[in-house]
Amino acid sequence: MSGIYIDLKNGQLVKAFVDAISGLRGSFKIKADRVLLDAKSIMGIYTLDLSKPVLLVIEPDAEDDLDLLKEFIL
């Protein structure tokens, strides 16, 4: 399991991120403060404080898909 910080500071980025990650087969979680949620859940992401970067936790089976998410990576 690895993680990278991503920036989802506005609604357009959140929608684009969820659209991009929903097509991937791997398991992705977002960790912000003490919360860990499914990265494919747009409603879950909107419950977070998006004024600062969040940690995208990537399971080992999904690491090959990172190229598709490079526009969100800090």
C-alpha atoms as a PDB file:
ATOM      1  CA  MET A   1       0.000   0.000   0.000  1.00  0.00           C
ATOM      2  CA  SER A   2       1.322   3.412  -0.929  1.00  0.00           C
ATOM      3  CA  GLY A   3      -0.045   6.916  -0.931  1.00  0.00           C
ATOM      4  CA  ILE A   4       0.255  10.208  -2.762  1.00  0.00           C
ATOM      5  CA  TYR A   5      -1.154  13.630  -2.034  1.00  0.00           C
ATOM      6  CA  ILE A   6      -3.746  14.979  -4.439  1.00  0.00           C
ATOM      7  CA  ASP A   7      -5.400  18.360  -4.765  1.00  0.00           C
ATOM      8  CA  LEU A   8      -9.180  18.479  -5.151  1.00  0.00           C
ATOM      9  CA  LYS A   9      -9.742  22.119  -4.285  1.00  0.00           C
ATOM     10  CA  ASN A  10     -12.903  22.682  -6.350  1.00  0.00           C
ATOM     11  CA  GLY A  11     -15.971  20.848  -7.593  1.00  0.00           C
ATOM     12  CA  GLN A  12     -14.689  20.496 -11.142  1.00  0.00           C
ATOM     13  CA  LEU A  13     -11.549  18.716  -9.918  1.00  0.00           C
ATOM     14  CA  VAL A  14     -13.582  16.423  -7.655  1.00  0.00           C
ATOM     15  CA  LYS A  15     -15.869  15.418 -10.530  1.00  0.00           C
ATOM     16  CA  ALA A  16     -12.951  14.905 -12.934  1.00  0.00           C
ATOM     17  CA  PHE A  17     -11.097  12.844 -10.314  1.00  0.00           C
ATOM     18  CA  VAL A  18     -14.081  10.592  -9.559  1.00  0.00           C
ATOM     19  CA  ASP A  19     -14.746  10.143 -13.287  1.00  0.00           C
ATOM     20  CA  ALA A  20     -11.098   9.146 -13.837  1.00  0.00           C
ATOM     21  CA  ILE A  21     -10.795   6.830 -10.855  1.00  0.00           C
ATOM     22  CA  SER A  22     -14.171   5.145 -11.342  1.00  0.00           C
ATOM     23  CA  GLY A  23     -12.908   3.523 -14.523  1.00  0.00           C
ATOM     24  CA  LEU A  24      -9.969   1.917 -12.714  1.00  0.00           C
ATOM     25  CA  ARG A  25     -10.152  -1.585 -11.293  1.00  0.00           C
ATOM     26  CA  GLY A  26      -7.947  -1.137  -8.249  1.00  0.00           C
ATOM     27  CA  SER A  27      -8.811  -0.222  -4.691  1.00  0.00           C
ATOM     28  CA  PHE A  28      -8.370   3.447  -3.792  1.00  0.00           C
ATOM     29  CA  LYS A  29      -9.088   5.226  -0.515  1.00  0.00           C
ATOM     30  CA  ILE A  30      -8.808   8.864   0.530  1.00  0.00           C
ATOM     31  CA  LYS A  31      -7.422   9.704   3.946  1.00  0.00           C
ATOM     32  CA  ALA A  32      -7.968  13.136   5.437  1.00  0.00           C
ATOM     33  CA  ASP A  33      -7.341  13.720   9.125  1.00  0.00           C
ATOM     34  CA  ARG A  34      -8.890  10.651  10.780  1.00  0.00           C
ATOM     35  CA  VAL A  35     -11.281   9.794   7.961  1.00  0.00           C
ATOM     36  CA  LEU A  36     -10.682   6.999   5.443  1.00  0.00           C
ATOM     37  CA  LEU A  37     -13.218   6.675   2.642  1.00  0.00           C
ATOM     38  CA  ASP A  38     -13.721   5.147  -0.780  1.00  0.00           C
ATOM     39  CA  ALA A  39     -12.073   7.404  -3.375  1.00  0.00           C
ATOM     40  CA  LYS A  40     -14.767   6.510  -5.909  1.00  0.00           C
ATOM     41  CA  SER A  41     -17.493   8.070  -3.736  1.00  0.00           C
ATOM     42  CA  ILE A  42     -18.179  11.626  -4.882  1.00  0.00           C
ATOM     43  CA  MET A  43     -20.523  12.238  -1.933  1.00  0.00           C
ATOM     44  CA  GLY A  44     -17.887  10.994   0.499  1.00  0.00           C
ATOM     45  CA  ILE A  45     -15.253  13.294  -0.974  1.00  0.00           C
ATOM     46  CA  TYR A  46     -17.544  16.306  -0.627  1.00  0.00           C
ATOM     47  CA  THR A  47     -17.749  15.679   3.138  1.00  0.00           C
ATOM     48  CA  LEU A  48     -14.020  16.408   3.477  1.00  0.00           C
ATOM     49  CA  ASP A  49     -12.197  19.703   3.962  1.00  0.00           C
ATOM     50  CA  LEU A  50     -10.872  20.147   0.429  1.00  0.00           C
ATOM     51  CA  SER A  51      -9.036  23.397   1.128  1.00  0.00           C
ATOM     52  CA  LYS A  52      -5.894  21.325   1.672  1.00  0.00           C
ATOM     53  CA  PRO A  53      -4.483  18.272  -0.123  1.00  0.00           C
ATOM     54  CA  VAL A  54      -5.749  14.813   0.793  1.00  0.00           C
ATOM     55  CA  LEU A  55      -3.892  11.502   0.778  1.00  0.00           C
ATOM     56  CA  LEU A  56      -4.864   9.006  -1.914  1.00  0.00           C
ATOM     57  CA  VAL A  57      -4.104   5.528  -0.551  1.00  0.00           C
ATOM     58  CA  ILE A  58      -3.337   3.070  -3.335  1.00  0.00           C
ATOM     59  CA  GLU A  59      -3.488  -0.670  -2.933  1.00  0.00           C
ATOM     60  CA  PRO A  60      -0.616  -2.584  -4.595  1.00  0.00           C
ATOM     61  CA  ASP A  61      -2.859  -3.967  -7.330  1.00  0.00           C
ATOM     62  CA  ALA A  62      -3.668  -0.427  -8.536  1.00  0.00           C
ATOM     63  CA  GLU A  63      -0.223   1.189  -8.745  1.00  0.00           C
ATOM     64  CA  ASP A  64      -0.007   0.676 -12.507  1.00  0.00           C
ATOM     65  CA  ASP A  65      -2.970   3.018 -13.017  1.00  0.00           C
ATOM     66  CA  LEU A  66      -1.269   6.135 -11.595  1.00  0.00           C
ATOM     67  CA  ASP A  67      -0.569   7.607 -15.032  1.00  0.00           C
ATOM     68  CA  LEU A  68      -4.293   8.204 -15.474  1.00  0.00           C
ATOM     69  CA  LEU A  69      -4.382  10.301 -12.291  1.00  0.00           C
ATOM     70  CA  LYS A  70      -1.297  12.459 -12.818  1.00  0.00           C
ATOM     71  CA  GLU A  71      -3.253  15.717 -13.242  1.00  0.00           C
ATOM     72  CA  PHE A  72      -4.396  15.500  -9.593  1.00  0.00           C
ATOM     73  CA  ILE A  73      -1.046  14.549  -8.030  1.00  0.00           C
ATOM     74  CA  LEU A  74       0.892  17.245  -6.213  1.00  0.00           C
END
